[in-house]
Structures are given as C-alpha cells and as structure tokens.
N, C-alpha and C. Protein backbone atom coordinates (compact mmCIF):
# COMPACT_ATOMS: atom_id res chain seq x y z
N MET A 1 -1.93 25.16 0.51
CA MET A 1 -3.45 25.72 0.88
C MET A 1 -4.47 24.91 -0.57
N PHE A 2 -3.43 24.97 -1.94
CA PHE A 2 -4.76 24.86 -2.71
C PHE A 2 -5.15 23.29 -2.81
N GLY A 3 -4.06 22.61 -2.63
CA GLY A 3 -4.07 21.28 -2.30
C GLY A 3 -5.01 20.67 -1.14
N SER A 4 -4.81 21.57 -0.48
CA SER A 4 -5.79 21.22 1.31
C SER A 4 -6.85 21.33 0.49
N ALA A 5 -7.44 22.58 -0.18
CA ALA A 5 -9.00 22.76 -0.44
C ALA A 5 -9.14 22.01 -1.69
N LEU A 6 -8.38 21.24 -2.44
CA LEU A 6 -8.78 20.57 -3.41
C LEU A 6 -9.19 18.80 -2.80
N GLY A 7 -8.09 18.39 -1.84
CA GLY A 7 -8.49 17.09 -1.06
C GLY A 7 -10.07 17.53 -0.47
N SER A 8 -10.28 18.26 0.20
CA SER A 8 -11.32 18.88 1.08
C SER A 8 -12.68 18.47 -0.21
N ARG A 9 -12.63 19.06 -1.44
CA ARG A 9 -13.64 18.99 -2.09
C ARG A 9 -13.89 17.68 -2.69
N ARG A 10 -12.73 16.49 -2.80
CA ARG A 10 -12.77 15.56 -3.50
C ARG A 10 -13.10 14.76 -2.07
N ARG A 11 -12.87 15.03 -0.85
CA ARG A 11 -13.59 14.25 0.14
C ARG A 11 -15.26 14.33 0.04
N ASP A 12 -15.26 15.41 0.11
CA ASP A 12 -16.79 16.00 -0.07
C ASP A 12 -17.65 15.36 -0.64
N ARG A 13 -16.90 15.13 -1.87
CA ARG A 13 -17.96 14.52 -3.31
C ARG A 13 -17.71 13.09 -3.25
N ASP A 14 -16.96 12.33 -2.72
CA ASP A 14 -16.66 11.32 -2.40
C ASP A 14 -18.26 10.91 -1.41
N ALA A 15 -18.05 11.72 -0.38
CA ALA A 15 -19.15 11.29 0.77
C ALA A 15 -20.59 11.65 0.20
N ALA A 16 -20.36 12.45 -0.51
CA ALA A 16 -21.78 12.38 -1.15
C ALA A 16 -22.36 11.52 -2.23
N TRP A 17 -21.44 11.19 -3.11
CA TRP A 17 -21.31 9.57 -3.81
C TRP A 17 -21.56 8.61 -3.05
N ILE A 18 -20.80 8.15 -1.57
CA ILE A 18 -20.99 6.95 -1.49
C ILE A 18 -22.83 7.46 -0.01
N ARG A 19 -23.06 8.25 0.17
CA ARG A 19 -24.59 8.03 0.93
C ARG A 19 -25.44 7.90 0.06
N ARG A 20 -25.20 8.26 -1.54
CA ARG A 20 -25.90 7.87 -2.91
C ARG A 20 -26.15 6.66 -3.09
N ILE A 21 -24.97 5.74 -2.59
CA ILE A 21 -24.43 4.81 -3.11
C ILE A 21 -25.43 3.56 -1.92
N LEU A 22 -24.96 4.20 -0.95
CA LEU A 22 -25.66 2.88 0.31
C LEU A 22 -27.70 3.14 -0.05
N ARG A 23 -27.83 4.29 -0.83
CA ARG A 23 -29.09 4.14 -0.94
C ARG A 23 -29.14 3.34 -2.28
N GLY A 24 -28.46 2.81 -3.05
CA GLY A 24 -28.78 2.17 -4.02
C GLY A 24 -28.41 2.47 -5.49
N SER A 25 -27.68 3.92 -5.69
CA SER A 25 -27.40 4.28 -6.58
C SER A 25 -26.40 3.99 -7.16
N GLU A 26 -26.74 3.50 -8.65
CA GLU A 26 -25.63 2.49 -9.64
C GLU A 26 -24.90 4.07 -10.34
N ARG A 27 -25.42 5.23 -10.44
CA ARG A 27 -24.88 6.52 -10.82
C ARG A 27 -24.00 6.85 -10.56
N ALA A 28 -23.81 6.86 -9.02
CA ALA A 28 -22.99 7.30 -8.14
C ALA A 28 -22.19 6.27 -7.79
N ALA A 29 -21.84 5.19 -7.96
CA ALA A 29 -20.94 3.80 -8.03
C ALA A 29 -20.05 3.95 -9.12
N ASP A 30 -21.15 4.69 -10.21
CA ASP A 30 -20.01 4.50 -11.44
C ASP A 30 -19.04 5.92 -11.51
N ALA A 31 -20.09 6.74 -11.01
CA ALA A 31 -19.16 7.91 -10.72
C ALA A 31 -18.24 8.19 -9.93
N LEU A 32 -18.08 7.27 -8.52
CA LEU A 32 -17.34 7.12 -8.08
C LEU A 32 -16.08 6.31 -8.46
N VAL A 33 -16.36 4.99 -9.15
CA VAL A 33 -15.14 4.67 -9.74
C VAL A 33 -14.91 5.31 -11.04
N ARG A 34 -15.12 5.81 -11.62
CA ARG A 34 -14.20 6.46 -13.08
C ARG A 34 -13.37 7.81 -11.58
N GLU A 35 -14.07 7.78 -11.25
CA GLU A 35 -13.40 9.29 -10.33
C GLU A 35 -11.54 8.48 -9.72
N HIS A 36 -11.62 7.29 -9.14
CA HIS A 36 -10.85 6.82 -8.66
C HIS A 36 -9.72 5.92 -9.64
N TYR A 37 -10.67 5.65 -10.60
CA TYR A 37 -10.00 4.10 -11.43
C TYR A 37 -8.45 4.85 -11.84
N ASP A 38 -7.98 5.41 -12.46
CA ASP A 38 -6.88 6.15 -12.83
C ASP A 38 -5.85 5.96 -11.73
N GLY A 39 -6.03 6.51 -10.25
CA GLY A 39 -4.95 6.72 -9.62
C GLY A 39 -5.39 5.35 -9.21
N LEU A 40 -6.34 4.46 -8.89
CA LEU A 40 -6.02 3.20 -8.38
C LEU A 40 -5.17 2.01 -9.43
N PHE A 41 -5.54 2.29 -10.39
CA PHE A 41 -4.50 1.61 -11.74
C PHE A 41 -3.42 1.82 -11.73
N ALA A 42 -2.53 3.10 -11.38
CA ALA A 42 -1.15 3.27 -11.89
C ALA A 42 -0.84 2.73 -10.01
N PHE A 43 -1.27 2.58 -8.99
CA PHE A 43 -0.94 2.22 -7.92
C PHE A 43 -0.98 0.61 -8.03
N VAL A 44 -1.79 -0.12 -8.41
CA VAL A 44 -1.73 -1.59 -8.50
C VAL A 44 -0.37 -1.82 -9.61
N TYR A 45 -0.44 -1.22 -10.48
CA TYR A 45 0.69 -1.44 -11.65
C TYR A 45 2.04 -1.45 -11.34
N ARG A 46 1.98 -0.12 -11.03
CA ARG A 46 3.45 0.37 -10.15
C ARG A 46 3.60 -1.21 -9.21
N GLN A 47 2.99 -2.16 -8.83
CA GLN A 47 3.58 -3.15 -8.07
C GLN A 47 3.74 -4.32 -8.79
N VAL A 48 2.39 -4.55 -9.76
CA VAL A 48 2.66 -5.43 -10.24
C VAL A 48 3.24 -5.71 -12.03
N GLY A 49 3.43 -4.48 -12.83
CA GLY A 49 4.08 -4.48 -13.87
C GLY A 49 3.30 -5.13 -15.19
N ASP A 50 2.37 -5.59 -14.93
CA ASP A 50 1.29 -6.23 -15.70
C ASP A 50 0.33 -5.79 -16.23
N HIS A 51 -0.09 -5.13 -17.56
CA HIS A 51 -1.15 -4.59 -17.60
C HIS A 51 -2.48 -5.96 -17.46
N GLU A 52 -2.88 -7.03 -17.73
CA GLU A 52 -4.17 -7.53 -17.39
C GLU A 52 -3.96 -7.75 -15.91
N GLU A 53 -3.04 -8.04 -15.51
CA GLU A 53 -3.39 -8.27 -14.10
C GLU A 53 -3.52 -7.14 -13.14
N THR A 54 -3.31 -6.30 -13.53
CA THR A 54 -3.45 -4.87 -13.12
C THR A 54 -5.05 -4.61 -13.38
N MET A 55 -5.08 -4.61 -14.77
CA MET A 55 -6.73 -4.68 -14.83
C MET A 55 -7.51 -5.69 -14.10
N ASN A 56 -7.31 -6.68 -13.61
CA ASN A 56 -7.99 -7.80 -12.72
C ASN A 56 -8.13 -7.36 -11.74
N LEU A 57 -6.81 -6.61 -11.33
CA LEU A 57 -6.76 -6.77 -9.98
C LEU A 57 -7.53 -5.29 -9.43
N THR A 58 -7.70 -4.27 -9.99
CA THR A 58 -8.17 -3.32 -10.13
C THR A 58 -10.00 -3.24 -9.88
N GLN A 59 -10.30 -4.41 -11.12
CA GLN A 59 -11.67 -4.50 -10.63
C GLN A 59 -12.28 -4.97 -9.60
N GLU A 60 -10.87 -6.20 -9.44
CA GLU A 60 -11.33 -6.69 -8.13
C GLU A 60 -11.28 -6.00 -6.60
N SER A 61 -10.92 -4.56 -7.06
CA SER A 61 -10.48 -4.11 -6.01
C SER A 61 -11.87 -2.90 -5.33
N PHE A 62 -12.21 -2.78 -6.90
CA PHE A 62 -13.45 -1.53 -6.82
C PHE A 62 -14.50 -2.34 -6.51
N ILE A 63 -14.76 -3.98 -6.55
CA ILE A 63 -15.65 -4.92 -6.50
C ILE A 63 -15.77 -4.97 -4.85
N ALA A 64 -14.79 -5.38 -3.80
CA ALA A 64 -14.71 -5.30 -2.60
C ALA A 64 -15.04 -4.27 -2.23
N ALA A 65 -14.51 -2.63 -2.28
CA ALA A 65 -14.83 -1.97 -2.11
C ALA A 65 -16.71 -1.24 -1.79
N LEU A 66 -17.11 -1.59 -2.98
CA LEU A 66 -18.63 -1.16 -3.21
C LEU A 66 -19.27 -2.28 -2.31
N GLN A 67 -18.59 -3.93 -2.10
CA GLN A 67 -19.82 -4.67 -1.60
C GLN A 67 -19.28 -4.34 -0.09
N SER A 68 -18.02 -3.93 0.34
CA SER A 68 -18.20 -3.23 1.87
C SER A 68 -18.02 -1.86 2.09
N LEU A 69 -18.92 -1.36 1.23
CA LEU A 69 -18.75 0.07 1.49
C LEU A 69 -19.42 0.61 2.81
N ALA A 70 -20.20 -0.15 3.34
CA ALA A 70 -21.02 0.24 4.28
C ALA A 70 -20.08 0.17 5.63
N SER A 71 -18.94 -0.58 5.92
CA SER A 71 -18.17 -0.60 6.64
C SER A 71 -17.19 0.54 6.61
N TYR A 72 -17.07 1.48 5.69
CA TYR A 72 -16.21 2.53 5.49
C TYR A 72 -16.23 3.36 6.75
N ASP A 73 -15.29 3.85 7.49
CA ASP A 73 -15.31 4.68 8.55
C ASP A 73 -14.80 6.31 7.81
N PRO A 74 -15.45 7.32 7.66
CA PRO A 74 -14.20 8.29 7.22
C PRO A 74 -13.88 8.97 8.37
N ALA A 75 -13.87 8.98 9.28
CA ALA A 75 -13.38 9.23 10.54
C ALA A 75 -11.78 8.93 10.81
N ARG A 76 -11.72 7.24 10.13
CA ARG A 76 -10.31 7.04 10.14
C ARG A 76 -9.67 7.03 9.03
N ALA A 77 -9.94 7.23 7.58
CA ALA A 77 -8.93 7.19 6.70
C ALA A 77 -10.04 7.98 5.50
N SER A 78 -9.49 8.51 4.57
CA SER A 78 -10.00 9.29 3.48
C SER A 78 -10.93 7.66 2.45
N PHE A 79 -11.75 8.51 2.04
CA PHE A 79 -11.90 6.82 1.15
C PHE A 79 -11.06 6.65 -0.03
N THR A 80 -10.03 7.30 -0.40
CA THR A 80 -8.73 7.07 -1.27
C THR A 80 -7.57 6.19 -0.64
N THR A 81 -7.65 6.28 1.00
CA THR A 81 -6.76 5.66 1.60
C THR A 81 -7.26 4.13 1.64
N TRP A 82 -8.81 4.09 2.23
CA TRP A 82 -9.65 3.40 2.44
C TRP A 82 -9.34 1.81 1.02
N LEU A 83 -9.31 2.68 -0.06
CA LEU A 83 -9.56 2.00 -1.20
C LEU A 83 -8.20 1.49 -1.48
N TYR A 84 -7.35 2.04 -1.37
CA TYR A 84 -5.75 1.81 -1.94
C TYR A 84 -5.53 0.38 -0.89
N ARG A 85 -5.94 0.64 0.28
CA ARG A 85 -5.52 -0.63 1.49
C ARG A 85 -6.51 -1.84 0.90
N ILE A 86 -7.47 -1.51 0.61
CA ILE A 86 -8.31 -3.09 0.01
C ILE A 86 -7.05 -3.33 -1.23
N ALA A 87 -6.79 -2.48 -2.15
CA ALA A 87 -6.54 -2.97 -3.52
C ALA A 87 -4.73 -3.58 -2.71
N ALA A 88 -4.28 -2.93 -2.32
CA ALA A 88 -2.67 -3.57 -1.16
C ALA A 88 -3.00 -4.86 -0.85
N TYR A 89 -4.31 -5.34 -0.28
CA TYR A 89 -4.18 -6.76 0.41
C TYR A 89 -4.85 -7.46 -0.89
N LYS A 90 -5.28 -6.69 -2.22
CA LYS A 90 -5.14 -7.73 -3.60
C LYS A 90 -3.91 -7.93 -3.96
N VAL A 91 -2.91 -7.30 -4.20
CA VAL A 91 -1.67 -7.71 -4.35
C VAL A 91 -0.95 -8.62 -3.61
N ILE A 92 -1.27 -8.07 -2.32
CA ILE A 92 -0.90 -9.04 -1.59
C ILE A 92 -1.38 -10.70 -1.66
N ASP A 93 -2.50 -10.71 -1.87
CA ASP A 93 -3.09 -12.31 -2.15
C ASP A 93 -2.37 -12.63 -3.42
N ALA A 94 -2.45 -11.93 -4.40
CA ALA A 94 -1.99 -12.33 -6.01
C ALA A 94 -1.12 -12.58 -5.42
N ARG A 95 0.20 -12.10 -5.17
CA ARG A 95 1.85 -12.69 -4.78
C ARG A 95 1.88 -13.63 -3.51
N ARG A 96 0.71 -14.06 -3.17
CA ARG A 96 0.66 -14.95 -2.42
C ARG A 96 0.15 -16.56 -2.79
N ARG A 97 -0.68 -15.95 -3.94
CA ARG A 97 -0.22 -17.61 -4.72
C ARG A 97 0.91 -17.77 -5.30
N THR A 98 1.84 -17.23 -5.17
CA THR A 98 2.96 -17.81 -6.17
C THR A 98 3.85 -17.75 -4.85
N HIS A 99 3.41 -16.82 -3.98
CA HIS A 99 4.88 -16.82 -2.78
C HIS A 99 3.93 -17.33 -1.71
N PRO A 100 3.74 -18.52 -1.25
CA PRO A 100 2.77 -19.03 -0.20
C PRO A 100 3.09 -18.66 1.28
N ILE A 101 4.58 -18.23 1.08
CA ILE A 101 5.51 -18.71 2.85
C ILE A 101 5.59 -17.09 3.01
N ALA A 102 4.93 -16.91 3.97
CA ALA A 102 5.17 -15.20 4.60
C ALA A 102 5.55 -15.21 5.72
N VAL A 103 6.81 -14.62 5.92
CA VAL A 103 7.60 -14.46 6.97
C VAL A 103 7.73 -13.08 7.90
N SER A 104 7.05 -13.12 9.32
CA SER A 104 6.93 -11.97 9.82
C SER A 104 8.58 -11.55 10.10
N LEU A 105 8.42 -9.89 10.56
CA LEU A 105 9.38 -9.01 10.93
C LEU A 105 9.18 -8.84 11.86
N ASP A 106 7.97 -9.19 12.46
CA ASP A 106 7.68 -8.06 13.97
C ASP A 106 8.30 -8.70 14.96
N SER A 107 8.81 -10.25 14.69
CA SER A 107 8.96 -11.22 16.38
C SER A 107 10.62 -11.51 16.35
N GLY A 108 11.00 -11.02 15.15
CA GLY A 108 12.68 -11.94 14.63
C GLY A 108 13.68 -10.62 14.01
N GLY A 109 13.25 -9.03 13.85
CA GLY A 109 14.25 -8.53 13.67
C GLY A 109 13.93 -8.58 12.20
N LEU A 110 15.21 -8.44 11.21
CA LEU A 110 14.84 -9.19 9.81
C LEU A 110 15.01 -10.39 9.47
N GLY A 111 14.21 -11.01 10.47
CA GLY A 111 14.09 -12.62 9.38
C GLY A 111 15.56 -13.12 9.61
N ASP A 112 17.05 -12.78 9.59
CA ASP A 112 18.29 -13.00 9.73
C ASP A 112 19.06 -13.50 10.39
N GLY A 113 18.42 -13.48 12.23
CA GLY A 113 18.97 -13.84 12.78
C GLY A 113 19.35 -12.62 14.11
N GLU A 114 19.36 -11.39 12.92
CA GLU A 114 19.77 -10.04 13.57
C GLU A 114 18.58 -9.97 15.08
N PRO A 115 19.19 -8.98 15.80
CA PRO A 115 18.32 -8.59 17.33
C PRO A 115 17.29 -7.68 16.17
N ASP A 116 15.85 -7.39 17.18
CA ASP A 116 15.22 -6.20 16.54
C ASP A 116 15.58 -5.02 17.74
N ALA A 117 16.33 -3.93 16.81
CA ALA A 117 16.80 -3.11 16.81
C ALA A 117 15.43 -1.81 16.71
N PHE A 118 14.75 -1.74 16.18
CA PHE A 118 13.84 -0.51 15.93
C PHE A 118 12.70 -0.62 16.97
N ASP A 119 12.55 0.72 16.97
CA ASP A 119 11.17 1.56 17.74
C ASP A 119 10.78 2.35 17.70
N GLY A 120 10.28 2.23 16.28
CA GLY A 120 9.28 2.78 15.13
C GLY A 120 10.37 4.90 15.12
N THR A 121 10.84 5.00 15.46
CA THR A 121 12.12 6.30 14.79
C THR A 121 12.62 6.03 13.71
N ASP A 122 12.65 7.05 12.86
CA ASP A 122 13.52 7.18 11.72
C ASP A 122 14.55 6.09 11.65
N LEU A 123 14.88 5.95 10.38
CA LEU A 123 16.84 5.45 10.55
C LEU A 123 17.55 6.62 9.78
N PRO A 124 18.57 6.56 9.94
CA PRO A 124 19.57 7.35 8.86
C PRO A 124 19.22 7.31 7.49
N ASP A 125 19.22 7.99 7.17
CA ASP A 125 19.32 7.89 5.00
C ASP A 125 19.83 6.57 4.54
N GLU A 126 21.60 6.59 5.02
CA GLU A 126 22.18 5.65 4.41
C GLU A 126 21.90 4.38 4.90
N ARG A 127 20.91 4.36 5.78
CA ARG A 127 20.37 2.91 6.02
C ARG A 127 19.12 2.38 5.30
N ILE A 128 18.50 3.28 4.49
CA ILE A 128 17.52 3.44 3.64
C ILE A 128 17.56 2.96 2.10
N PRO A 129 16.78 2.24 1.58
CA PRO A 129 17.49 2.26 -0.11
C PRO A 129 16.79 2.98 -0.51
N ASP A 130 17.48 3.58 -1.58
CA ASP A 130 16.64 4.61 -2.44
C ASP A 130 15.56 3.74 -3.71
N MET A 131 14.22 3.75 -3.37
CA MET A 131 13.38 2.68 -4.00
C MET A 131 13.62 2.82 -5.64
N SER A 132 13.45 4.16 -6.19
CA SER A 132 13.66 5.09 -7.27
C SER A 132 14.77 4.36 -8.42
N GLU A 133 15.83 4.53 -7.27
CA GLU A 133 17.06 3.66 -7.72
C GLU A 133 16.88 2.19 -8.16
N LEU A 134 16.69 1.72 -7.34
CA LEU A 134 16.59 0.25 -7.00
C LEU A 134 15.43 -0.29 -8.23
N ALA A 135 14.48 0.38 -8.30
CA ALA A 135 13.58 -0.16 -9.02
C ALA A 135 13.31 0.71 -10.37
N ALA A 136 14.82 1.20 -10.94
CA ALA A 136 15.08 1.84 -12.40
C ALA A 136 14.54 0.91 -13.57
N ASP A 137 14.64 -0.85 -13.35
CA ASP A 137 14.42 -1.86 -14.53
C ASP A 137 13.22 -2.39 -13.65
N ARG A 138 12.41 -2.83 -14.55
CA ARG A 138 11.42 -4.13 -14.72
C ARG A 138 12.04 -5.22 -13.85
N ASP A 139 13.21 -5.90 -13.84
CA ASP A 139 13.72 -7.13 -13.83
C ASP A 139 13.83 -6.91 -12.60
N LEU A 140 14.64 -5.92 -11.34
CA LEU A 140 14.94 -5.50 -10.26
C LEU A 140 14.11 -5.29 -9.44
N LEU A 141 12.89 -4.75 -9.67
CA LEU A 141 11.61 -4.27 -9.44
C LEU A 141 10.55 -5.95 -9.13
N GLU A 142 11.07 -6.24 -10.30
CA GLU A 142 10.22 -7.97 -9.78
C GLU A 142 10.83 -8.46 -9.11
N ARG A 143 12.30 -8.74 -8.49
CA ARG A 143 12.78 -9.44 -7.66
C ARG A 143 12.49 -8.73 -6.05
N ILE A 144 12.40 -7.68 -6.93
CA ILE A 144 12.28 -7.05 -4.80
C ILE A 144 10.83 -7.10 -4.46
N GLU A 145 10.15 -7.52 -5.80
CA GLU A 145 8.76 -7.80 -5.16
C GLU A 145 8.16 -9.03 -4.34
N GLU A 146 9.03 -10.08 -5.42
CA GLU A 146 8.85 -11.40 -4.63
C GLU A 146 9.90 -11.57 -3.42
N ARG A 147 10.54 -10.58 -2.95
CA ARG A 147 11.00 -10.86 -1.47
C ARG A 147 10.23 -10.11 -0.39
N VAL A 148 9.64 -8.93 -1.09
CA VAL A 148 8.70 -8.37 -0.25
C VAL A 148 7.36 -9.38 0.06
N ALA A 149 7.01 -9.91 -0.98
CA ALA A 149 5.69 -10.77 -1.15
C ALA A 149 6.13 -12.12 -0.01
N SER A 150 7.61 -11.82 0.26
CA SER A 150 7.62 -13.44 1.71
C SER A 150 6.91 -12.88 2.82
N CYS A 151 7.13 -11.56 2.90
CA CYS A 151 7.11 -11.15 4.88
C CYS A 151 5.55 -10.96 4.48
N ASP A 152 5.24 -10.98 5.74
CA ASP A 152 3.94 -11.11 6.23
C ASP A 152 2.87 -9.96 5.65
N PRO A 153 1.47 -10.09 5.59
CA PRO A 153 0.92 -9.10 4.87
C PRO A 153 0.81 -7.88 5.66
N ALA A 154 1.28 -8.08 7.02
CA ALA A 154 1.23 -6.28 8.07
C ALA A 154 2.26 -5.56 7.54
N ALA A 155 3.54 -6.12 6.91
CA ALA A 155 4.65 -5.17 7.24
C ALA A 155 4.47 -4.78 5.41
N GLN A 156 3.97 -6.01 4.79
CA GLN A 156 3.35 -5.60 3.32
C GLN A 156 2.66 -4.48 2.72
N GLU A 157 1.48 -4.20 3.59
CA GLU A 157 0.73 -3.65 3.68
C GLU A 157 1.49 -1.98 4.00
N VAL A 158 2.13 -1.33 5.20
CA VAL A 158 2.86 -0.55 5.12
C VAL A 158 4.05 0.06 3.86
N PHE A 159 4.67 -0.96 4.06
CA PHE A 159 5.66 -0.83 2.34
C PHE A 159 5.04 -0.70 0.89
N ARG A 160 3.81 -0.78 1.05
CA ARG A 160 2.39 -0.81 -0.47
C ARG A 160 2.49 0.57 -0.27
N LEU A 161 1.61 0.65 1.08
CA LEU A 161 0.77 2.04 1.11
C LEU A 161 1.62 3.40 0.96
N HIS A 162 2.79 3.05 2.41
CA HIS A 162 3.62 4.10 1.43
C HIS A 162 4.60 4.56 0.60
N LEU A 163 4.79 3.43 -0.17
CA LEU A 163 5.86 3.61 -1.15
C LEU A 163 5.31 3.95 -2.36
N TYR A 164 4.17 3.31 -2.73
CA TYR A 164 3.67 3.02 -4.03
C TYR A 164 2.15 4.24 -4.16
N ALA A 165 1.51 4.66 -2.37
CA ALA A 165 0.53 5.03 -2.59
C ALA A 165 0.70 6.33 -2.09
N GLU A 166 2.28 6.63 -1.11
CA GLU A 166 2.62 8.05 -1.08
C GLU A 166 1.53 8.54 0.43
N ARG A 167 1.00 7.30 0.75
CA ARG A 167 0.43 7.53 2.09
C ARG A 167 1.48 7.67 3.22
N SER A 168 1.15 8.91 4.49
CA SER A 168 1.97 9.04 5.57
C SER A 168 1.78 7.95 6.14
N PHE A 169 2.90 7.94 7.65
CA PHE A 169 2.50 6.64 8.57
C PHE A 169 1.26 7.04 9.40
N ALA A 170 0.88 8.29 9.87
CA ALA A 170 0.10 8.38 10.41
C ALA A 170 -1.12 7.85 9.79
N GLN A 171 -1.33 8.50 8.18
CA GLN A 171 -2.61 7.94 7.67
C GLN A 171 -2.71 6.46 7.68
N ILE A 172 -1.64 6.14 7.24
CA ILE A 172 -1.86 4.49 7.07
C ILE A 172 -2.14 3.47 8.74
N ALA A 173 -1.81 4.57 9.94
CA ALA A 173 -1.72 4.23 10.73
C ALA A 173 -3.23 4.00 11.07
N ALA A 174 -3.84 5.19 11.34
CA ALA A 174 -4.88 5.67 11.59
C ALA A 174 -6.37 4.40 10.95
N ALA A 175 -5.98 4.18 9.34
CA ALA A 175 -6.54 3.28 8.95
C ALA A 175 -6.62 1.75 9.15
N ALA A 176 -5.46 1.49 9.41
CA ALA A 176 -5.41 -0.05 10.77
C ALA A 176 -5.63 -0.19 11.78
N GLY A 177 -5.90 1.27 12.22
CA GLY A 177 -6.10 0.98 13.40
C GLY A 177 -4.94 0.62 14.35
N GLU A 178 -4.13 1.19 14.09
CA GLU A 178 -2.94 1.01 14.92
C GLU A 178 -2.12 1.98 15.24
N SER A 179 -0.65 1.73 16.08
CA SER A 179 -0.22 2.97 16.48
C SER A 179 0.98 3.71 15.63
N GLU A 180 0.81 4.59 15.27
CA GLU A 180 2.33 5.02 14.20
C GLU A 180 3.64 4.77 14.61
N SER A 181 4.14 4.36 15.71
CA SER A 181 5.60 4.01 15.75
C SER A 181 5.74 2.58 15.38
N THR A 182 4.14 1.62 15.43
CA THR A 182 4.63 0.49 14.89
C THR A 182 4.49 0.02 13.47
N VAL A 183 3.57 1.17 12.89
CA VAL A 183 3.31 1.04 11.56
C VAL A 183 4.88 1.81 10.73
N LYS A 184 5.68 2.39 11.50
CA LYS A 184 6.89 3.11 10.93
C LYS A 184 8.05 1.72 11.50
N ALA A 185 7.97 1.36 12.52
CA ALA A 185 8.69 0.38 12.71
C ALA A 185 9.16 -0.77 11.49
N ARG A 186 7.82 -1.22 11.24
CA ARG A 186 7.39 -2.44 10.30
C ARG A 186 7.83 -1.74 8.80
N TYR A 187 7.90 -0.49 8.73
CA TYR A 187 8.15 -0.11 7.53
C TYR A 187 9.82 -0.06 7.36
N TYR A 188 10.43 0.65 8.30
CA TYR A 188 12.56 0.65 8.29
C TYR A 188 12.76 -0.91 8.30
N ARG A 189 12.13 -1.59 9.15
CA ARG A 189 12.62 -3.66 9.06
C ARG A 189 12.62 -3.95 7.69
N LEU A 190 11.49 -3.89 6.73
CA LEU A 190 11.62 -4.02 6.01
C LEU A 190 12.39 -3.24 4.83
N MET A 191 12.36 -2.24 5.06
CA MET A 191 13.19 -1.81 4.13
C MET A 191 14.78 -1.92 4.37
N ALA A 192 15.09 -1.81 5.48
CA ALA A 192 16.78 -2.00 5.65
C ALA A 192 16.95 -3.54 5.52
N LEU A 193 15.84 -4.17 4.87
CA LEU A 193 15.82 -5.95 4.36
C LEU A 193 16.15 -5.79 3.04
N LEU A 194 15.68 -5.11 2.47
CA LEU A 194 15.83 -4.77 1.28
C LEU A 194 16.86 -3.82 0.65
N ARG A 195 17.37 -3.44 1.74
CA ARG A 195 18.48 -2.08 1.69
C ARG A 195 19.91 -3.11 1.45
N LYS A 196 19.92 -4.24 2.86
CA LYS A 196 21.02 -5.41 2.73
C LYS A 196 21.03 -6.36 1.46
N GLU A 197 19.59 -6.78 0.91
CA GLU A 197 19.79 -7.59 -0.21
C GLU A 197 20.19 -7.19 -1.41
N PHE A 198 19.88 -5.92 -1.72
CA PHE A 198 19.80 -5.28 -2.58
C PHE A 198 20.52 -4.08 -3.17
N GLY A 199 20.91 -3.49 -2.10
CA GLY A 199 21.68 -2.17 -2.12
C GLY A 199 22.78 -2.03 -3.18
N ASP A 200 23.09 -3.19 -3.34
CA ASP A 200 25.05 -3.20 -4.10
C ASP A 200 24.02 -3.38 -5.40
N GLU A 201 23.52 -3.15 -5.63
CA GLU A 201 22.65 -3.74 -7.18
C GLU A 201 22.85 -2.01 -7.99
N ARG A 202 22.73 -0.72 -7.21
CA ARG A 202 22.96 0.33 -7.45
C ARG A 202 24.06 0.60 -8.34
N GLN A 203 24.89 -0.13 -7.81
CA GLN A 203 26.57 0.06 -8.38
C GLN A 203 26.81 -0.66 -9.78
N ARG A 204 25.80 -1.46 -9.71
CA ARG A 204 25.69 -2.55 -11.50
C ARG A 204 25.59 -1.73 -12.59
C-alpha cells in the first residue's frame, strides 16, 4: 500500500513537471531530470559497465526524452517506463555499432534451427537462466551482452526492461503497444537461448 501511494505521488509530480516543461519551463525540466537521473544511470550502467559510456548514454536519453516529451502518453506507460524504454534503445543503438547484425528470434525459434515452441506462457524455472548468477562477474556479463546485442531490437527491449529495469510484461506491452503474450514470448525465447549458451558457466 505504501509503495503504491509513493508511486502515485511520483506520477503526479512527474505529470506536473511535464505540463510545465511543455509550457517552456527549464526549471521543471531540471527537476524532472534530477528526479530520475540516478535510477536511469543505474539502469544503463548495469548494461554497459563503463562509467563514461553510461554518462553519455544517460545524457542522450534525457535529451531524447525532453525533445519528444509532447508525444508521451501517460495512459500507456508511466514516465519512468517510457524513459527507460528510450534509454534501452540508446543502449541497443550503442551495441549495434559494434554488433551490426541483428538476428530475429520471432520467426526462427531460437535462431539455431529449433522450432518455435513458445506461445507466451511462462517456462519452467529450470529452463530459465539465473541471470544474477550468470552475471556474477563483469567479463561474463559482457559476453552475455554481446550475445543479446546480436538479437533484434524488439527482443532486446523486453530483455532490458524486464531484467534491468524490473518492468512487468504488462507494463512493457502497454508501452510498446503490443500484446503481453507477444512480449513474454520474446523474453522467454531469448532467455532460453542464454540458458543454452551460458547456463553451464555457473558450474565453473
């Protein structure tokens, strides 16, 4: 109950700042950035692991958000989810510069010849990698990130928002304008792929 009330107050505060920003208030823009800076910085850093790159991508995300603020629809997503979605694509774009080929998981199952067996329902726990264990060291996380970066942006978006930003599938689906089953299917396809390629490394 307390968390719900806190979230409601934050949404109201964000809404007030957004209204003022759209009327030209720089002070409101500064306040909105300060309110969300630490959270967004942490979200990006967990993915890139480099302080300078995180600072750059965080700044780019806020600039993009402020420039497109008029298009933000609070009926579809909270400002935080909308902002994290922008940042997720900034990370995806940065990764794409070093991993230009994006493989779709939507049409070919796991991308390795296996049939598509996912219908949006949850997989058994043993089929899903424990990312907190897999990402226990930065080198392993970087290799996981390299693999994720080879997948199509739609799959990456769900992966990044659900794992790193702790957004629910329903929140991600609403923000993306897609069905929850589609979003969940993308996530579990990618997680199964990571399980297959990195799962054994927990034993090393």
